Amino acid sequence: MQTIGAYEAKTSLSKLLERVNKGEKISITKHGVTVAILQPPAYAKILHPRQAIAALRVFRDKHNLKGISLREMIEEGRH
């Protein structure tokens, strides 16, 4: 993990975000003390389409609408 000072981070934030988007973690320090860590979000893990479909099927099998249609649920949420 690279360490960068807060002032430098402020002046080059867009470049740092590009690096984080590629998977890097960057520690931001102020007077030598880490105050923040830039890292990709945990949900950014990219699944192969087959893995994503399999996960959706498992989710669907575990969650039952118990006779209520999806349309009814949408309408109920609008109230």
N, C-alpha and C. Protein backbone atom coordinates (compact mmCIF):
# COMPACT_ATOMS: atom_id res chain seq x y z
N MET A 1 0.86 -1.18 0.00
CA MET A 1 0.00 0.00 0.00
C MET A 1 0.90 1.23 0.00
N GLN A 2 0.64 2.13 -0.91
CA GLN A 2 1.41 3.37 -0.97
C GLN A 2 0.88 4.36 0.04
N THR A 3 1.78 5.17 0.58
CA THR A 3 1.40 6.23 1.52
C THR A 3 1.61 7.57 0.84
N ILE A 4 0.66 8.48 1.05
CA ILE A 4 0.73 9.80 0.44
C ILE A 4 0.25 10.83 1.45
N GLY A 5 0.86 12.00 1.43
CA GLY A 5 0.46 13.07 2.34
C GLY A 5 -0.88 13.66 1.96
N ALA A 6 -1.55 14.24 2.95
CA ALA A 6 -2.90 14.79 2.74
C ALA A 6 -2.90 15.91 1.70
N TYR A 7 -1.90 16.78 1.73
CA TYR A 7 -1.87 17.88 0.76
C TYR A 7 -1.72 17.33 -0.66
N GLU A 8 -0.79 16.39 -0.83
CA GLU A 8 -0.60 15.80 -2.15
C GLU A 8 -1.86 15.06 -2.61
N ALA A 9 -2.53 14.39 -1.66
CA ALA A 9 -3.77 13.67 -2.00
C ALA A 9 -4.83 14.65 -2.48
N LYS A 10 -4.89 15.80 -1.82
CA LYS A 10 -5.88 16.81 -2.20
C LYS A 10 -5.62 17.33 -3.61
N THR A 11 -4.36 17.54 -3.93
CA THR A 11 -4.04 18.12 -5.23
C THR A 11 -4.08 17.11 -6.38
N SER A 12 -4.06 15.81 -6.04
CA SER A 12 -4.07 14.81 -7.11
C SER A 12 -5.15 13.75 -6.89
N LEU A 13 -6.28 14.17 -6.33
CA LEU A 13 -7.35 13.22 -5.99
C LEU A 13 -7.85 12.44 -7.19
N SER A 14 -8.06 13.09 -8.32
CA SER A 14 -8.61 12.36 -9.47
C SER A 14 -7.66 11.26 -9.94
N LYS A 15 -6.35 11.51 -9.91
CA LYS A 15 -5.39 10.47 -10.29
C LYS A 15 -5.39 9.33 -9.28
N LEU A 16 -5.52 9.68 -8.00
CA LEU A 16 -5.57 8.65 -6.96
C LEU A 16 -6.81 7.78 -7.13
N LEU A 17 -7.93 8.41 -7.44
CA LEU A 17 -9.17 7.65 -7.63
C LEU A 17 -9.07 6.69 -8.82
N GLU A 18 -8.37 7.11 -9.86
CA GLU A 18 -8.15 6.21 -11.00
C GLU A 18 -7.36 4.99 -10.57
N ARG A 19 -6.33 5.20 -9.75
CA ARG A 19 -5.53 4.08 -9.27
C ARG A 19 -6.34 3.15 -8.37
N VAL A 20 -7.15 3.75 -7.51
CA VAL A 20 -8.00 2.95 -6.62
C VAL A 20 -9.00 2.14 -7.44
N ASN A 21 -9.51 2.75 -8.49
CA ASN A 21 -10.45 2.06 -9.38
C ASN A 21 -9.82 0.83 -10.01
N LYS A 22 -8.51 0.84 -10.15
CA LYS A 22 -7.79 -0.31 -10.70
C LYS A 22 -7.42 -1.34 -9.63
N GLY A 23 -7.81 -1.07 -8.38
CA GLY A 23 -7.59 -2.05 -7.32
C GLY A 23 -6.56 -1.70 -6.28
N GLU A 24 -5.88 -0.57 -6.41
CA GLU A 24 -4.86 -0.19 -5.43
C GLU A 24 -5.49 0.33 -4.13
N LYS A 25 -4.72 0.20 -3.04
CA LYS A 25 -5.08 0.82 -1.77
C LYS A 25 -4.04 1.90 -1.51
N ILE A 26 -4.49 3.05 -1.03
CA ILE A 26 -3.58 4.17 -0.78
C ILE A 26 -3.87 4.73 0.61
N SER A 27 -2.82 4.83 1.41
CA SER A 27 -2.92 5.39 2.75
C SER A 27 -2.65 6.88 2.68
N ILE A 28 -3.52 7.68 3.30
CA ILE A 28 -3.34 9.13 3.33
C ILE A 28 -2.93 9.51 4.75
N THR A 29 -1.82 10.26 4.84
CA THR A 29 -1.30 10.62 6.15
C THR A 29 -1.32 12.13 6.36
N LYS A 30 -1.35 12.50 7.62
CA LYS A 30 -1.24 13.90 8.01
C LYS A 30 -0.21 13.95 9.13
N HIS A 31 0.88 14.61 8.88
CA HIS A 31 2.00 14.67 9.82
C HIS A 31 2.50 13.28 10.18
N GLY A 32 2.52 12.39 9.17
CA GLY A 32 3.05 11.05 9.36
C GLY A 32 2.09 10.04 9.97
N VAL A 33 0.88 10.47 10.28
CA VAL A 33 -0.12 9.58 10.89
C VAL A 33 -1.21 9.28 9.87
N THR A 34 -1.52 8.01 9.68
CA THR A 34 -2.57 7.64 8.73
C THR A 34 -3.91 8.18 9.21
N VAL A 35 -4.59 8.92 8.33
CA VAL A 35 -5.90 9.47 8.66
C VAL A 35 -7.01 8.88 7.80
N ALA A 36 -6.63 8.24 6.68
CA ALA A 36 -7.63 7.63 5.80
C ALA A 36 -6.95 6.62 4.89
N ILE A 37 -7.76 5.70 4.40
CA ILE A 37 -7.28 4.73 3.42
C ILE A 37 -8.27 4.73 2.26
N LEU A 38 -7.75 5.00 1.07
CA LEU A 38 -8.57 4.92 -0.14
C LEU A 38 -8.46 3.50 -0.66
N GLN A 39 -9.59 2.86 -0.86
CA GLN A 39 -9.60 1.50 -1.39
C GLN A 39 -10.89 1.26 -2.14
N PRO A 40 -10.87 0.31 -3.06
CA PRO A 40 -12.11 0.00 -3.79
C PRO A 40 -13.17 -0.52 -2.82
N PRO A 41 -14.44 -0.25 -3.08
CA PRO A 41 -15.50 -0.77 -2.22
C PRO A 41 -15.55 -2.29 -2.27
N ALA A 42 -16.01 -2.89 -1.21
CA ALA A 42 -16.06 -4.36 -1.12
C ALA A 42 -16.98 -4.95 -2.18
N TYR A 43 -18.04 -4.24 -2.53
CA TYR A 43 -19.00 -4.77 -3.50
C TYR A 43 -18.50 -4.71 -4.93
N ALA A 44 -17.32 -4.14 -5.15
CA ALA A 44 -16.82 -3.96 -6.51
C ALA A 44 -16.30 -5.26 -7.13
N LYS A 45 -16.35 -6.35 -6.38
CA LYS A 45 -15.88 -7.61 -6.93
C LYS A 45 -16.74 -7.98 -8.14
N ILE A 46 -16.08 -8.22 -9.24
CA ILE A 46 -16.79 -8.51 -10.48
C ILE A 46 -16.94 -10.02 -10.63
N LEU A 47 -18.16 -10.46 -10.81
CA LEU A 47 -18.43 -11.88 -11.00
C LEU A 47 -18.54 -12.20 -12.48
N HIS A 48 -18.14 -13.39 -12.80
CA HIS A 48 -18.38 -13.89 -14.15
C HIS A 48 -19.89 -14.01 -14.30
N PRO A 49 -20.45 -13.74 -15.46
CA PRO A 49 -21.91 -13.80 -15.63
C PRO A 49 -22.53 -15.11 -15.14
N ARG A 50 -21.87 -16.23 -15.37
CA ARG A 50 -22.42 -17.52 -14.90
C ARG A 50 -22.49 -17.57 -13.38
N GLN A 51 -21.48 -16.99 -12.71
CA GLN A 51 -21.49 -16.94 -11.25
C GLN A 51 -22.62 -16.04 -10.74
N ALA A 52 -22.81 -14.92 -11.40
CA ALA A 52 -23.87 -13.99 -11.00
C ALA A 52 -25.24 -14.64 -11.16
N ILE A 53 -25.45 -15.33 -12.26
CA ILE A 53 -26.74 -16.01 -12.50
C ILE A 53 -26.96 -17.09 -11.46
N ALA A 54 -25.93 -17.86 -11.15
CA ALA A 54 -26.05 -18.91 -10.13
C ALA A 54 -26.40 -18.31 -8.77
N ALA A 55 -25.76 -17.19 -8.42
CA ALA A 55 -26.05 -16.52 -7.14
C ALA A 55 -27.48 -16.01 -7.10
N LEU A 56 -27.97 -15.47 -8.21
CA LEU A 56 -29.36 -15.01 -8.27
C LEU A 56 -30.34 -16.16 -8.10
N ARG A 57 -30.03 -17.31 -8.69
CA ARG A 57 -30.91 -18.47 -8.56
C ARG A 57 -30.95 -18.96 -7.12
N VAL A 58 -29.83 -18.98 -6.45
CA VAL A 58 -29.78 -19.38 -5.04
C VAL A 58 -30.61 -18.41 -4.21
N PHE A 59 -30.44 -17.11 -4.46
CA PHE A 59 -31.21 -16.10 -3.74
C PHE A 59 -32.69 -16.30 -3.96
N ARG A 60 -33.09 -16.52 -5.22
CA ARG A 60 -34.50 -16.71 -5.56
C ARG A 60 -35.07 -17.92 -4.84
N ASP A 61 -34.31 -19.00 -4.78
CA ASP A 61 -34.79 -20.22 -4.13
C ASP A 61 -34.96 -20.04 -2.62
N LYS A 62 -34.19 -19.16 -2.03
CA LYS A 62 -34.26 -18.93 -0.58
C LYS A 62 -35.34 -17.93 -0.20
N HIS A 63 -35.80 -17.12 -1.13
CA HIS A 63 -36.77 -16.07 -0.83
C HIS A 63 -38.05 -16.29 -1.62
N ASN A 64 -39.11 -16.55 -0.88
CA ASN A 64 -40.40 -16.86 -1.47
C ASN A 64 -41.34 -15.68 -1.28
N LEU A 65 -42.11 -15.34 -2.30
CA LEU A 65 -43.06 -14.23 -2.20
C LEU A 65 -44.35 -14.63 -1.49
N LYS A 66 -44.49 -15.89 -1.16
CA LYS A 66 -45.65 -16.41 -0.41
C LYS A 66 -46.98 -16.02 -1.03
N GLY A 67 -47.09 -16.20 -2.35
CA GLY A 67 -48.35 -15.97 -3.03
C GLY A 67 -48.61 -14.54 -3.46
N ILE A 68 -47.80 -13.61 -3.05
CA ILE A 68 -47.98 -12.21 -3.44
C ILE A 68 -47.23 -12.00 -4.76
N SER A 69 -47.89 -11.33 -5.69
CA SER A 69 -47.23 -11.08 -6.97
C SER A 69 -46.25 -9.91 -6.83
N LEU A 70 -45.30 -9.90 -7.69
CA LEU A 70 -44.33 -8.81 -7.69
C LEU A 70 -45.03 -7.48 -7.93
N ARG A 71 -46.02 -7.46 -8.79
CA ARG A 71 -46.79 -6.25 -9.06
C ARG A 71 -47.45 -5.73 -7.78
N GLU A 72 -48.04 -6.63 -6.99
CA GLU A 72 -48.67 -6.23 -5.73
C GLU A 72 -47.65 -5.61 -4.77
N MET A 73 -46.48 -6.18 -4.73
CA MET A 73 -45.44 -5.66 -3.85
C MET A 73 -45.00 -4.27 -4.32
N ILE A 74 -44.89 -4.08 -5.60
CA ILE A 74 -44.51 -2.76 -6.13
C ILE A 74 -45.58 -1.72 -5.78
N GLU A 75 -46.83 -2.08 -5.98
CA GLU A 75 -47.92 -1.16 -5.67
C GLU A 75 -47.96 -0.84 -4.19
N GLU A 76 -47.72 -1.84 -3.35
CA GLU A 76 -47.72 -1.62 -1.90
C GLU A 76 -46.62 -0.65 -1.50
N GLY A 77 -45.48 -0.75 -2.16
CA GLY A 77 -44.37 0.14 -1.86
C GLY A 77 -44.60 1.57 -2.27
N ARG A 78 -45.56 1.82 -3.14
CA ARG A 78 -45.84 3.18 -3.61
C ARG A 78 -46.72 3.96 -2.65
N HIS A 79 -47.26 3.31 -1.67
CA HIS A 79 -48.18 3.99 -0.73
C HIS A 79 -47.45 4.62 0.40
